[in-house]
Amino acid sequence: MNILDDLRVIFSSFFNREEPKVRKMKRVFQWRRYLEWKDLTLEEKLSAKRFLLLPVFAYLILRIFNQNILFIVLFLIGYVFYRKFEKGNIIKK
């Protein structure tokens, strides 16, 4: 792919006579980089915290959901009946 990219840059510079736009590379998660915590920028620290704490929060949410599934279902059924009763669809006239 590198040869094709080089050819594209050569042709674009030949026909357009413009300098190719240089993009700033964004860093992707690198374990060694995050071990040097003091050298990180604030943005990198925030992304590391999000990446490392996401499984913990997902586990806690799933655990709470699984333990209380009966209450959640009963609450939803009660809410649906309440909305129907409020509209007057259950009461016969």
N, C-alpha and C. Protein backbone atom coordinates (compact mmCIF):
# COMPACT_ATOMS: atom_id res chain seq x y z
N MET A 1 0.82 -1.19 0.00
CA MET A 1 0.00 0.00 0.00
C MET A 1 0.86 1.25 0.00
N ASN A 2 2.06 1.15 0.53
CA ASN A 2 2.92 2.31 0.64
C ASN A 2 3.33 2.82 -0.73
N ILE A 3 3.58 1.92 -1.67
CA ILE A 3 3.97 2.32 -3.02
C ILE A 3 2.82 3.05 -3.71
N LEU A 4 1.61 2.54 -3.52
CA LEU A 4 0.45 3.19 -4.13
C LEU A 4 0.23 4.59 -3.55
N ASP A 5 0.44 4.74 -2.26
CA ASP A 5 0.30 6.06 -1.65
C ASP A 5 1.35 7.02 -2.18
N ASP A 6 2.56 6.52 -2.36
CA ASP A 6 3.62 7.38 -2.91
C ASP A 6 3.30 7.80 -4.34
N LEU A 7 2.78 6.87 -5.14
CA LEU A 7 2.40 7.21 -6.52
C LEU A 7 1.28 8.24 -6.54
N ARG A 8 0.32 8.09 -5.64
CA ARG A 8 -0.79 9.05 -5.57
C ARG A 8 -0.28 10.44 -5.23
N VAL A 9 0.65 10.52 -4.29
CA VAL A 9 1.21 11.82 -3.91
C VAL A 9 1.98 12.43 -5.07
N ILE A 10 2.73 11.62 -5.79
CA ILE A 10 3.51 12.14 -6.93
C ILE A 10 2.57 12.66 -8.02
N PHE A 11 1.54 11.87 -8.35
CA PHE A 11 0.61 12.32 -9.39
C PHE A 11 -0.17 13.55 -8.97
N SER A 12 -0.59 13.57 -7.72
CA SER A 12 -1.35 14.75 -7.27
C SER A 12 -0.48 15.99 -7.25
N SER A 13 0.79 15.84 -6.88
CA SER A 13 1.68 17.01 -6.88
C SER A 13 2.02 17.44 -8.31
N PHE A 14 2.09 16.49 -9.25
CA PHE A 14 2.40 16.82 -10.63
C PHE A 14 1.24 17.54 -11.30
N PHE A 15 0.02 17.03 -11.10
CA PHE A 15 -1.14 17.62 -11.78
C PHE A 15 -1.68 18.85 -11.05
N ASN A 16 -1.66 18.83 -9.74
CA ASN A 16 -2.26 19.94 -8.99
C ASN A 16 -1.26 21.01 -8.61
N ARG A 17 -0.01 20.67 -8.61
CA ARG A 17 1.05 21.59 -8.21
C ARG A 17 0.79 22.16 -6.81
N GLU A 18 0.28 21.32 -5.93
CA GLU A 18 0.03 21.71 -4.55
C GLU A 18 0.80 20.78 -3.63
N GLU A 19 1.08 21.28 -2.46
CA GLU A 19 1.70 20.44 -1.46
C GLU A 19 0.61 19.57 -0.82
N PRO A 20 0.89 18.29 -0.62
CA PRO A 20 -0.12 17.45 0.05
C PRO A 20 -0.31 17.90 1.49
N LYS A 21 -1.56 17.79 1.95
CA LYS A 21 -1.87 18.21 3.32
C LYS A 21 -1.29 17.21 4.31
N VAL A 22 -0.62 17.73 5.29
CA VAL A 22 -0.02 16.88 6.31
C VAL A 22 -1.01 16.76 7.46
N ARG A 23 -1.32 15.52 7.80
CA ARG A 23 -2.26 15.28 8.90
C ARG A 23 -1.49 14.98 10.17
N LYS A 24 -2.04 15.46 11.26
CA LYS A 24 -1.44 15.17 12.55
C LYS A 24 -1.93 13.80 13.01
N MET A 25 -1.01 12.94 13.35
CA MET A 25 -1.36 11.59 13.77
C MET A 25 -1.89 11.61 15.20
N LYS A 26 -2.96 10.87 15.42
CA LYS A 26 -3.52 10.75 16.75
C LYS A 26 -3.04 9.46 17.37
N ARG A 27 -2.63 9.52 18.62
CA ARG A 27 -2.11 8.33 19.28
C ARG A 27 -3.24 7.38 19.63
N VAL A 28 -2.95 6.12 19.47
CA VAL A 28 -3.88 5.07 19.83
C VAL A 28 -3.37 4.47 21.13
N PHE A 29 -4.21 3.69 21.80
CA PHE A 29 -3.86 3.14 23.10
C PHE A 29 -2.53 2.39 23.02
N GLN A 30 -1.58 2.81 23.84
CA GLN A 30 -0.27 2.18 23.91
C GLN A 30 0.04 1.91 25.38
N TRP A 31 0.16 0.66 25.76
CA TRP A 31 0.31 0.27 27.14
C TRP A 31 1.57 0.89 27.77
N ARG A 32 2.66 0.87 27.04
CA ARG A 32 3.91 1.42 27.58
C ARG A 32 3.79 2.92 27.84
N ARG A 33 3.08 3.57 26.97
CA ARG A 33 2.90 5.03 27.13
C ARG A 33 2.12 5.34 28.39
N TYR A 34 1.09 4.55 28.68
CA TYR A 34 0.27 4.83 29.85
C TYR A 34 0.95 4.44 31.16
N LEU A 35 2.00 3.64 31.10
CA LEU A 35 2.75 3.33 32.31
C LEU A 35 3.55 4.54 32.79
N GLU A 36 3.87 5.43 31.89
CA GLU A 36 4.55 6.68 32.25
C GLU A 36 3.48 7.75 32.49
N TRP A 37 2.77 7.62 33.59
CA TRP A 37 1.57 8.42 33.87
C TRP A 37 1.89 9.91 33.99
N LYS A 38 3.02 10.26 34.55
CA LYS A 38 3.34 11.67 34.78
C LYS A 38 3.61 12.43 33.48
N ASP A 39 4.00 11.71 32.44
CA ASP A 39 4.33 12.37 31.18
C ASP A 39 3.13 12.55 30.26
N LEU A 40 1.97 12.05 30.66
CA LEU A 40 0.80 12.12 29.79
C LEU A 40 0.15 13.50 29.84
N THR A 41 -0.50 13.85 28.75
CA THR A 41 -1.29 15.07 28.73
C THR A 41 -2.61 14.79 29.43
N LEU A 42 -3.37 15.84 29.70
CA LEU A 42 -4.67 15.66 30.37
C LEU A 42 -5.63 14.85 29.52
N GLU A 43 -5.59 15.07 28.22
CA GLU A 43 -6.48 14.33 27.31
C GLU A 43 -6.14 12.84 27.30
N GLU A 44 -4.85 12.52 27.31
CA GLU A 44 -4.43 11.12 27.32
C GLU A 44 -4.77 10.45 28.64
N LYS A 45 -4.65 11.18 29.74
CA LYS A 45 -5.03 10.62 31.04
C LYS A 45 -6.51 10.31 31.09
N LEU A 46 -7.32 11.21 30.56
CA LEU A 46 -8.76 11.00 30.55
C LEU A 46 -9.13 9.79 29.71
N SER A 47 -8.52 9.65 28.54
CA SER A 47 -8.83 8.50 27.68
C SER A 47 -8.37 7.20 28.33
N ALA A 48 -7.26 7.22 29.05
CA ALA A 48 -6.79 6.02 29.74
C ALA A 48 -7.74 5.62 30.85
N LYS A 49 -8.21 6.59 31.61
CA LYS A 49 -9.17 6.30 32.68
C LYS A 49 -10.45 5.71 32.11
N ARG A 50 -10.93 6.27 31.02
CA ARG A 50 -12.14 5.74 30.40
C ARG A 50 -11.93 4.31 29.91
N PHE A 51 -10.79 4.07 29.29
CA PHE A 51 -10.51 2.75 28.73
C PHE A 51 -10.38 1.70 29.82
N LEU A 52 -9.72 2.07 30.93
CA LEU A 52 -9.46 1.10 31.98
C LEU A 52 -10.66 0.90 32.91
N LEU A 53 -11.50 1.90 33.09
CA LEU A 53 -12.62 1.79 34.02
C LEU A 53 -13.92 1.33 33.35
N LEU A 54 -13.96 1.30 32.04
CA LEU A 54 -15.18 0.89 31.34
C LEU A 54 -15.61 -0.54 31.70
N PRO A 55 -14.72 -1.54 31.74
CA PRO A 55 -15.17 -2.88 32.13
C PRO A 55 -15.69 -2.95 33.56
N VAL A 56 -15.14 -2.15 34.45
CA VAL A 56 -15.61 -2.14 35.84
C VAL A 56 -17.04 -1.62 35.92
N PHE A 57 -17.30 -0.51 35.24
CA PHE A 57 -18.66 0.05 35.26
C PHE A 57 -19.65 -0.88 34.56
N ALA A 58 -19.24 -1.49 33.47
CA ALA A 58 -20.13 -2.42 32.77
C ALA A 58 -20.47 -3.61 33.66
N TYR A 59 -19.50 -4.13 34.39
CA TYR A 59 -19.75 -5.25 35.29
C TYR A 59 -20.74 -4.85 36.39
N LEU A 60 -20.53 -3.67 36.97
CA LEU A 60 -21.43 -3.23 38.04
C LEU A 60 -22.86 -3.03 37.53
N ILE A 61 -23.01 -2.44 36.37
CA ILE A 61 -24.34 -2.21 35.82
C ILE A 61 -25.03 -3.54 35.51
N LEU A 62 -24.32 -4.47 34.90
CA LEU A 62 -24.91 -5.77 34.59
C LEU A 62 -25.26 -6.55 35.86
N ARG A 63 -24.42 -6.44 36.87
CA ARG A 63 -24.69 -7.14 38.13
C ARG A 63 -25.96 -6.59 38.79
N ILE A 64 -26.08 -5.28 38.85
CA ILE A 64 -27.29 -4.66 39.43
C ILE A 64 -28.51 -5.04 38.62
N PHE A 65 -28.39 -5.00 37.30
CA PHE A 65 -29.53 -5.34 36.43
C PHE A 65 -29.96 -6.79 36.64
N ASN A 66 -29.00 -7.72 36.70
CA ASN A 66 -29.35 -9.14 36.85
C ASN A 66 -29.95 -9.44 38.22
N GLN A 67 -29.51 -8.76 39.27
CA GLN A 67 -30.05 -9.00 40.60
C GLN A 67 -31.46 -8.46 40.76
N ASN A 68 -31.80 -7.41 40.02
CA ASN A 68 -33.09 -6.74 40.19
C ASN A 68 -33.99 -6.87 38.97
N ILE A 69 -33.81 -7.89 38.17
CA ILE A 69 -34.59 -8.02 36.93
C ILE A 69 -36.08 -8.18 37.22
N LEU A 70 -36.43 -8.89 38.29
CA LEU A 70 -37.84 -9.07 38.63
C LEU A 70 -38.49 -7.74 38.97
N PHE A 71 -37.84 -6.93 39.76
CA PHE A 71 -38.39 -5.62 40.13
C PHE A 71 -38.50 -4.70 38.91
N ILE A 72 -37.55 -4.77 38.02
CA ILE A 72 -37.58 -3.94 36.83
C ILE A 72 -38.76 -4.33 35.94
N VAL A 73 -38.98 -5.63 35.76
CA VAL A 73 -40.10 -6.09 34.94
C VAL A 73 -41.43 -5.71 35.58
N LEU A 74 -41.55 -5.91 36.88
CA LEU A 74 -42.79 -5.53 37.57
C LEU A 74 -43.03 -4.03 37.49
N PHE A 75 -42.00 -3.24 37.61
CA PHE A 75 -42.14 -1.80 37.48
C PHE A 75 -42.62 -1.41 36.09
N LEU A 76 -42.05 -2.03 35.05
CA LEU A 76 -42.47 -1.72 33.68
C LEU A 76 -43.91 -2.13 33.42
N ILE A 77 -44.32 -3.30 33.93
CA ILE A 77 -45.71 -3.73 33.76
C ILE A 77 -46.65 -2.78 34.48
N GLY A 78 -46.28 -2.39 35.71
CA GLY A 78 -47.10 -1.43 36.46
C GLY A 78 -47.19 -0.10 35.75
N TYR A 79 -46.11 0.35 35.16
CA TYR A 79 -46.12 1.62 34.44
C TYR A 79 -47.04 1.56 33.22
N VAL A 80 -46.99 0.44 32.51
CA VAL A 80 -47.86 0.29 31.33
C VAL A 80 -49.32 0.29 31.74
N PHE A 81 -49.67 -0.44 32.82
CA PHE A 81 -51.05 -0.45 33.30
C PHE A 81 -51.48 0.93 33.79
N TYR A 82 -50.59 1.65 34.45
CA TYR A 82 -50.90 2.99 34.90
C TYR A 82 -51.19 3.91 33.73
N ARG A 83 -50.39 3.83 32.69
CA ARG A 83 -50.61 4.68 31.51
C ARG A 83 -51.93 4.33 30.82
N LYS A 84 -52.25 3.03 30.76
CA LYS A 84 -53.53 2.61 30.16
C LYS A 84 -54.69 3.11 31.01
N PHE A 85 -54.59 2.99 32.34
CA PHE A 85 -55.65 3.42 33.24
C PHE A 85 -55.82 4.93 33.18
N GLU A 86 -54.72 5.64 33.05
CA GLU A 86 -54.77 7.10 32.99
C GLU A 86 -55.49 7.57 31.74
N LYS A 87 -55.32 6.86 30.63
CA LYS A 87 -55.99 7.23 29.38
C LYS A 87 -57.46 6.79 29.37
N GLY A 88 -57.81 5.85 30.23
CA GLY A 88 -59.19 5.39 30.29
C GLY A 88 -59.47 4.22 29.39
N ASN A 89 -58.46 3.51 28.94
CA ASN A 89 -58.66 2.38 28.04
C ASN A 89 -59.10 1.12 28.77
N ILE A 90 -58.82 0.99 30.08
CA ILE A 90 -59.17 -0.22 30.81
C ILE A 90 -60.61 -0.16 31.32
N ILE A 91 -61.08 1.01 31.70
CA ILE A 91 -62.40 1.17 32.28
C ILE A 91 -63.46 1.09 31.17
N LYS A 92 -64.50 0.23 31.38
CA LYS A 92 -65.60 0.14 30.41
C LYS A 92 -66.62 1.22 30.73
N LYS A 93 -67.16 1.80 29.70
CA LYS A 93 -68.17 2.85 29.87
C LYS A 93 -69.55 2.34 29.57
